[in-house]
Amino acid sequence: MRRYIPKDEENAMNQLDRITQEPGKMGGKACIRGMRVTVSMIVNQIGAGRSQAEILADYPYLEAEDISQALQ
């Protein structure tokens, strides 16, 4: 049986194309593009007052869109 997904929810899911989740990686937590950088790590750093520029400097393999999607 197919579940009806409202268009706005479907669009939101499609917009999070940089967020991945794999059972065997990082305990199944949501990660950025399959890397071992969790969404919660990004959110916690922003919550602690770190800027996007500081995070990008510490993790040069991340991109600004990765952080934006993590915060969504």
PDB file of N, CA and C in Angstrom:
ATOM      1  N   MET A   1       0.843  -1.181   0.000  1.00  0.00           N
ATOM      2  CA  MET A   1       0.000   0.000   0.000  1.00  0.00           C
ATOM      3  C   MET A   1       0.886   1.241   0.000  1.00  0.00           C
ATOM      4  N   ARG A   2       0.644   2.141  -0.913  1.00  0.00           N
ATOM      5  CA  ARG A   2       1.424   3.381  -0.999  1.00  0.00           C
ATOM      6  C   ARG A   2       0.888   4.406  -0.031  1.00  0.00           C
ATOM      7  N   ARG A   3       1.786   5.113   0.568  1.00  0.00           N
ATOM      8  CA  ARG A   3       1.425   6.189   1.481  1.00  0.00           C
ATOM      9  C   ARG A   3       1.380   7.487   0.699  1.00  0.00           C
ATOM     10  N   TYR A   4       0.325   8.242   0.881  1.00  0.00           N
ATOM     11  CA  TYR A   4       0.233   9.551   0.236  1.00  0.00           C
ATOM     12  C   TYR A   4       1.154  10.519   0.956  1.00  0.00           C
ATOM     13  N   ILE A   5       2.009  11.177   0.198  1.00  0.00           N
ATOM     14  CA  ILE A   5       2.916  12.176   0.741  1.00  0.00           C
ATOM     15  C   ILE A   5       2.515  13.533   0.177  1.00  0.00           C
ATOM     16  N   PRO A   6       2.115  14.464   1.033  1.00  0.00           N
ATOM     17  CA  PRO A   6       1.754  15.794   0.539  1.00  0.00           C
ATOM     18  C   PRO A   6       2.906  16.413  -0.247  1.00  0.00           C
ATOM     19  N   LYS A   7       2.571  17.202  -1.250  1.00  0.00           N
ATOM     20  CA  LYS A   7       3.572  17.779  -2.145  1.00  0.00           C
ATOM     21  C   LYS A   7       4.633  18.575  -1.390  1.00  0.00           C
ATOM     22  N   ASP A   8       4.238  19.360  -0.392  1.00  0.00           N
ATOM     23  CA  ASP A   8       5.228  20.156   0.328  1.00  0.00           C
ATOM     24  C   ASP A   8       6.172  19.266   1.137  1.00  0.00           C
ATOM     25  N   GLU A   9       5.676  18.162   1.667  1.00  0.00           N
ATOM     26  CA  GLU A   9       6.544  17.223   2.386  1.00  0.00           C
ATOM     27  C   GLU A   9       7.483  16.523   1.416  1.00  0.00           C
ATOM     28  N   GLU A  10       6.971  16.169   0.247  1.00  0.00           N
ATOM     29  CA  GLU A  10       7.802  15.530  -0.776  1.00  0.00           C
ATOM     30  C   GLU A  10       8.910  16.472  -1.230  1.00  0.00           C
ATOM     31  N   ASN A  11       8.588  17.743  -1.432  1.00  0.00           N
ATOM     32  CA  ASN A  11       9.595  18.724  -1.828  1.00  0.00           C
ATOM     33  C   ASN A  11      10.645  18.892  -0.747  1.00  0.00           C
ATOM     34  N   ALA A  12      10.229  18.895   0.514  1.00  0.00           N
ATOM     35  CA  ALA A  12      11.180  19.037   1.623  1.00  0.00           C
ATOM     36  C   ALA A  12      12.125  17.846   1.658  1.00  0.00           C
ATOM     37  N   MET A  13      11.605  16.643   1.431  1.00  0.00           N
ATOM     38  CA  MET A  13      12.457  15.455   1.440  1.00  0.00           C
ATOM     39  C   MET A  13      13.449  15.496   0.284  1.00  0.00           C
ATOM     40  N   ASN A  14      13.017  15.954  -0.875  1.00  0.00           N
ATOM     41  CA  ASN A  14      13.911  16.034  -2.027  1.00  0.00           C
ATOM     42  C   ASN A  14      14.989  17.086  -1.833  1.00  0.00           C
ATOM     43  N   GLN A  15      14.710  18.097  -1.063  1.00  0.00           N
ATOM     44  CA  GLN A  15      15.676  19.167  -0.844  1.00  0.00           C
ATOM     45  C   GLN A  15      16.805  18.734   0.089  1.00  0.00           C
ATOM     46  N   LEU A  16      16.617  17.658   0.825  1.00  0.00           N
ATOM     47  CA  LEU A  16      17.638  17.190   1.765  1.00  0.00           C
ATOM     48  C   LEU A  16      18.466  16.075   1.126  1.00  0.00           C
ATOM     49  N   ASP A  17      18.971  16.339  -0.057  1.00  0.00           N
ATOM     50  CA  ASP A  17      19.708  15.324  -0.794  1.00  0.00           C
ATOM     51  C   ASP A  17      21.126  15.129  -0.282  1.00  0.00           C
ATOM     52  N   ARG A  18      21.580  15.940   0.654  1.00  0.00           N
ATOM     53  CA  ARG A  18      22.930  15.801   1.213  1.00  0.00           C
ATOM     54  C   ARG A  18      22.927  15.058   2.544  1.00  0.00           C
ATOM     55  N   ILE A  19      21.748  14.743   3.047  1.00  0.00           N
ATOM     56  CA  ILE A  19      21.624  14.035   4.312  1.00  0.00           C
ATOM     57  C   ILE A  19      21.419  12.549   4.010  1.00  0.00           C
ATOM     58  N   THR A  20      22.297  11.712   4.578  1.00  0.00           N
ATOM     59  CA  THR A  20      22.211  10.272   4.354  1.00  0.00           C
ATOM     60  C   THR A  20      22.112   9.561   5.695  1.00  0.00           C
ATOM     61  N   GLN A  21      21.611   8.335   5.622  1.00  0.00           N
ATOM     62  CA  GLN A  21      21.494   7.551   6.841  1.00  0.00           C
ATOM     63  C   GLN A  21      21.737   6.086   6.481  1.00  0.00           C
ATOM     64  N   GLU A  22      22.750   5.500   7.106  1.00  0.00           N
ATOM     65  CA  GLU A  22      23.111   4.112   6.849  1.00  0.00           C
ATOM     66  C   GLU A  22      23.190   3.389   8.189  1.00  0.00           C
ATOM     67  N   PRO A  23      22.537   2.229   8.310  1.00  0.00           N
ATOM     68  CA  PRO A  23      22.518   1.522   9.591  1.00  0.00           C
ATOM     69  C   PRO A  23      23.912   1.234  10.157  1.00  0.00           C
ATOM     70  N   GLY A  24      24.895   0.927   9.327  1.00  0.00           N
ATOM     71  CA  GLY A  24      26.213   0.566   9.820  1.00  0.00           C
ATOM     72  C   GLY A  24      27.185   1.720   9.989  1.00  0.00           C
ATOM     73  N   LYS A  25      26.745   2.929   9.748  1.00  0.00           N
ATOM     74  CA  LYS A  25      27.651   4.080   9.827  1.00  0.00           C
ATOM     75  C   LYS A  25      27.180   5.043  10.914  1.00  0.00           C
ATOM     76  N   MET A  26      28.076   5.360  11.816  1.00  0.00           N
ATOM     77  CA  MET A  26      27.816   6.325  12.895  1.00  0.00           C
ATOM     78  C   MET A  26      26.551   5.958  13.688  1.00  0.00           C
ATOM     79  N   GLY A  27      26.354   4.666  13.896  1.00  0.00           N
ATOM     80  CA  GLY A  27      25.210   4.201  14.687  1.00  0.00           C
ATOM     81  C   GLY A  27      23.869   4.485  14.043  1.00  0.00           C
ATOM     82  N   GLY A  28      23.849   4.660  12.734  1.00  0.00           N
ATOM     83  CA  GLY A  28      22.594   4.924  12.024  1.00  0.00           C
ATOM     84  C   GLY A  28      22.125   6.364  12.088  1.00  0.00           C
ATOM     85  N   LYS A  29      22.968   7.236  12.640  1.00  0.00           N
ATOM     86  CA  LYS A  29      22.591   8.653  12.730  1.00  0.00           C
ATOM     87  C   LYS A  29      22.626   9.301  11.349  1.00  0.00           C
ATOM     88  N   ALA A  30      21.870  10.367  11.188  1.00  0.00           N
ATOM     89  CA  ALA A  30      21.875  11.131   9.945  1.00  0.00           C
ATOM     90  C   ALA A  30      23.234  11.786   9.766  1.00  0.00           C
ATOM     91  N   CYS A  31      23.813  11.613   8.582  1.00  0.00           N
ATOM     92  CA  CYS A  31      25.151  12.125   8.275  1.00  0.00           C
ATOM     93  C   CYS A  31      25.110  13.036   7.055  1.00  0.00           C
ATOM     94  N   ILE A  32      26.204  13.722   6.853  1.00  0.00           N
ATOM     95  CA  ILE A  32      26.366  14.589   5.693  1.00  0.00           C
ATOM     96  C   ILE A  32      27.027  13.798   4.576  1.00  0.00           C
ATOM     97  N   ARG A  33      26.328  13.644   3.473  1.00  0.00           N
ATOM     98  CA  ARG A  33      26.823  13.007   2.243  1.00  0.00           C
ATOM     99  C   ARG A  33      27.598  11.712   2.484  1.00  0.00           C
ATOM    100  N   GLY A  34      27.130  10.884   3.401  1.00  0.00           N
ATOM    101  CA  GLY A  34      27.764   9.598   3.642  1.00  0.00           C
ATOM    102  C   GLY A  34      29.067   9.665   4.413  1.00  0.00           C
ATOM    103  N   MET A  35      29.469  10.848   4.805  1.00  0.00           N
ATOM    104  CA  MET A  35      30.707  11.005   5.577  1.00  0.00           C
ATOM    105  C   MET A  35      30.432  10.740   7.051  1.00  0.00           C
ATOM    106  N   ARG A  36      31.466  10.672   7.819  1.00  0.00           N
ATOM    107  CA  ARG A  36      31.320  10.455   9.251  1.00  0.00           C
ATOM    108  C   ARG A  36      31.197  11.790   9.993  1.00  0.00           C
ATOM    109  N   VAL A  37      30.386  12.652   9.450  1.00  0.00           N
ATOM    110  CA  VAL A  37      30.044  13.935  10.069  1.00  0.00           C
ATOM    111  C   VAL A  37      28.533  13.904  10.253  1.00  0.00           C
ATOM    112  N   THR A  38      28.087  13.897  11.500  1.00  0.00           N
ATOM    113  CA  THR A  38      26.654  13.782  11.748  1.00  0.00           C
ATOM    114  C   THR A  38      25.956  15.143  11.717  1.00  0.00           C
ATOM    115  N   VAL A  39      24.687  15.076  11.401  1.00  0.00           N
ATOM    116  CA  VAL A  39      23.853  16.281  11.423  1.00  0.00           C
ATOM    117  C   VAL A  39      23.851  16.854  12.836  1.00  0.00           C
ATOM    118  N   SER A  40      23.760  15.989  13.830  1.00  0.00           N
ATOM    119  CA  SER A  40      23.724  16.484  15.220  1.00  0.00           C
ATOM    120  C   SER A  40      25.012  17.209  15.602  1.00  0.00           C
ATOM    121  N   MET A  41      26.147  16.778  15.060  1.00  0.00           N
ATOM    122  CA  MET A  41      27.412  17.460  15.343  1.00  0.00           C
ATOM    123  C   MET A  41      27.363  18.892  14.803  1.00  0.00           C
ATOM    124  N   ILE A  42      26.846  19.045  13.600  1.00  0.00           N
ATOM    125  CA  ILE A  42      26.731  20.389  12.999  1.00  0.00           C
ATOM    126  C   ILE A  42      25.780  21.250  13.835  1.00  0.00           C
ATOM    127  N   VAL A  43      24.619  20.697  14.156  1.00  0.00           N
ATOM    128  CA  VAL A  43      23.618  21.447  14.924  1.00  0.00           C
ATOM    129  C   VAL A  43      24.177  21.836  16.291  1.00  0.00           C
ATOM    130  N   ASN A  44      24.870  20.914  16.945  1.00  0.00           N
ATOM    131  CA  ASN A  44      25.450  21.212  18.261  1.00  0.00           C
ATOM    132  C   ASN A  44      26.501  22.314  18.176  1.00  0.00           C
ATOM    133  N   GLN A  45      27.303  22.305  17.132  1.00  0.00           N
ATOM    134  CA  GLN A  45      28.327  23.344  16.998  1.00  0.00           C
ATOM    135  C   GLN A  45      27.698  24.717  16.764  1.00  0.00           C
ATOM    136  N   ILE A  46      26.670  24.759  15.931  1.00  0.00           N
ATOM    137  CA  ILE A  46      25.960  26.036  15.708  1.00  0.00           C
ATOM    138  C   ILE A  46      25.323  26.485  17.019  1.00  0.00           C
ATOM    139  N   GLY A  47      24.723  25.544  17.743  1.00  0.00           N
ATOM    140  CA  GLY A  47      24.094  25.855  19.027  1.00  0.00           C
ATOM    141  C   GLY A  47      25.088  26.361  20.062  1.00  0.00           C
ATOM    142  N   ALA A  48      26.325  25.932  19.935  1.00  0.00           N
ATOM    143  CA  ALA A  48      27.369  26.366  20.866  1.00  0.00           C
ATOM    144  C   ALA A  48      27.960  27.714  20.471  1.00  0.00           C
ATOM    145  N   GLY A  49      27.456  28.303  19.392  1.00  0.00           N
ATOM    146  CA  GLY A  49      27.902  29.639  19.010  1.00  0.00           C
ATOM    147  C   GLY A  49      28.943  29.689  17.912  1.00  0.00           C
ATOM    148  N   ARG A  50      29.310  28.544  17.354  1.00  0.00           N
ATOM    149  CA  ARG A  50      30.289  28.536  16.262  1.00  0.00           C
ATOM    150  C   ARG A  50      29.615  29.016  14.987  1.00  0.00           C
ATOM    151  N   SER A  51      30.334  29.728  14.181  1.00  0.00           N
ATOM    152  CA  SER A  51      29.781  30.228  12.925  1.00  0.00           C
ATOM    153  C   SER A  51      29.943  29.183  11.819  1.00  0.00           C
ATOM    154  N   GLN A  52      29.192  29.377  10.772  1.00  0.00           N
ATOM    155  CA  GLN A  52      29.305  28.499   9.609  1.00  0.00           C
ATOM    156  C   GLN A  52      30.727  28.549   9.052  1.00  0.00           C
ATOM    157  N   ALA A  53      31.317  29.722   9.014  1.00  0.00           N
ATOM    158  CA  ALA A  53      32.683  29.880   8.498  1.00  0.00           C
ATOM    159  C   ALA A  53      33.687  29.096   9.355  1.00  0.00           C
ATOM    160  N   GLU A  54      33.501  29.097  10.662  1.00  0.00           N
ATOM    161  CA  GLU A  54      34.401  28.346  11.540  1.00  0.00           C
ATOM    162  C   GLU A  54      34.285  26.841  11.298  1.00  0.00           C
ATOM    163  N   ILE A  55      33.078  26.372  11.139  1.00  0.00           N
ATOM    164  CA  ILE A  55      32.865  24.948  10.882  1.00  0.00           C
ATOM    165  C   ILE A  55      33.473  24.555   9.547  1.00  0.00           C
ATOM    166  N   LEU A  56      33.263  25.370   8.526  1.00  0.00           N
ATOM    167  CA  LEU A  56      33.826  25.077   7.202  1.00  0.00           C
ATOM    168  C   LEU A  56      35.353  25.099   7.237  1.00  0.00           C
ATOM    169  N   ALA A  57      35.934  25.953   8.057  1.00  0.00           N
ATOM    170  CA  ALA A  57      37.395  25.999   8.179  1.00  0.00           C
ATOM    171  C   ALA A  57      37.924  24.734   8.864  1.00  0.00           C
ATOM    172  N   ASP A  58      37.195  24.248   9.865  1.00  0.00           N
ATOM    173  CA  ASP A  58      37.604  23.037  10.586  1.00  0.00           C
ATOM    174  C   ASP A  58      37.380  21.764   9.772  1.00  0.00           C
ATOM    175  N   TYR A  59      36.384  21.782   8.901  1.00  0.00           N
ATOM    176  CA  TYR A  59      36.029  20.618   8.088  1.00  0.00           C
ATOM    177  C   TYR A  59      36.019  21.040   6.614  1.00  0.00           C
ATOM    178  N   PRO A  60      37.170  21.161   5.989  1.00  0.00           N
ATOM    179  CA  PRO A  60      37.251  21.699   4.628  1.00  0.00           C
ATOM    180  C   PRO A  60      36.530  20.860   3.573  1.00  0.00           C
ATOM    181  N   TYR A  61      36.192  19.636   3.894  1.00  0.00           N
ATOM    182  CA  TYR A  61      35.459  18.788   2.947  1.00  0.00           C
ATOM    183  C   TYR A  61      33.955  19.036   2.997  1.00  0.00           C
ATOM    184  N   LEU A  62      33.498  19.861   3.942  1.00  0.00           N
ATOM    185  CA  LEU A  62      32.087  20.249   3.986  1.00  0.00           C
ATOM    186  C   LEU A  62      31.862  21.464   3.105  1.00  0.00           C
ATOM    187  N   GLU A  63      30.624  21.623   2.691  1.00  0.00           N
ATOM    188  CA  GLU A  63      30.219  22.785   1.893  1.00  0.00           C
ATOM    189  C   GLU A  63      29.106  23.522   2.629  1.00  0.00           C
ATOM    190  N   ALA A  64      28.919  24.770   2.291  1.00  0.00           N
ATOM    191  CA  ALA A  64      27.903  25.593   2.957  1.00  0.00           C
ATOM    192  C   ALA A  64      26.523  24.945   2.875  1.00  0.00           C
ATOM    193  N   GLU A  65      26.190  24.332   1.754  1.00  0.00           N
ATOM    194  CA  GLU A  65      24.881  23.689   1.592  1.00  0.00           C
ATOM    195  C   GLU A  65      24.727  22.505   2.548  1.00  0.00           C
ATOM    196  N   ASP A  66      25.824  21.834   2.892  1.00  0.00           N
ATOM    197  CA  ASP A  66      25.768  20.748   3.863  1.00  0.00           C
ATOM    198  C   ASP A  66      25.260  21.267   5.211  1.00  0.00           C
ATOM    199  N   ILE A  67      25.794  22.395   5.620  1.00  0.00           N
ATOM    200  CA  ILE A  67      25.391  22.988   6.895  1.00  0.00           C
ATOM    201  C   ILE A  67      23.939  23.460   6.827  1.00  0.00           C
ATOM    202  N   SER A  68      23.568  24.074   5.736  1.00  0.00           N
ATOM    203  CA  SER A  68      22.191  24.557   5.567  1.00  0.00           C
ATOM    204  C   SER A  68      21.200  23.406   5.681  1.00  0.00           C
ATOM    205  N   GLN A  69      21.495  22.302   5.021  1.00  0.00           N
ATOM    206  CA  GLN A  69      20.582  21.158   5.079  1.00  0.00           C
ATOM    207  C   GLN A  69      20.572  20.514   6.462  1.00  0.00           C
ATOM    208  N   ALA A  70      21.703  20.488   7.125  1.00  0.00           N
ATOM    209  CA  ALA A  70      21.750  19.940   8.487  1.00  0.00           C
ATOM    210  C   ALA A  70      20.856  20.744   9.416  1.00  0.00           C
ATOM    211  N   LEU A  71      20.785  22.034   9.208  1.00  0.00           N
ATOM    212  CA  LEU A  71      19.966  22.898  10.068  1.00  0.00           C
ATOM    213  C   LEU A  71      18.480  22.843   9.726  1.00  0.00           C
ATOM    214  N   GLN A  72      18.161  22.283   8.576  1.00  0.00           N
ATOM    215  CA  GLN A  72      16.742  22.142   8.216  1.00  0.00           C
ATOM    216  C   GLN A  72      16.152  20.982   8.955  1.00  0.00           C
TER     217      GLN A  72
END
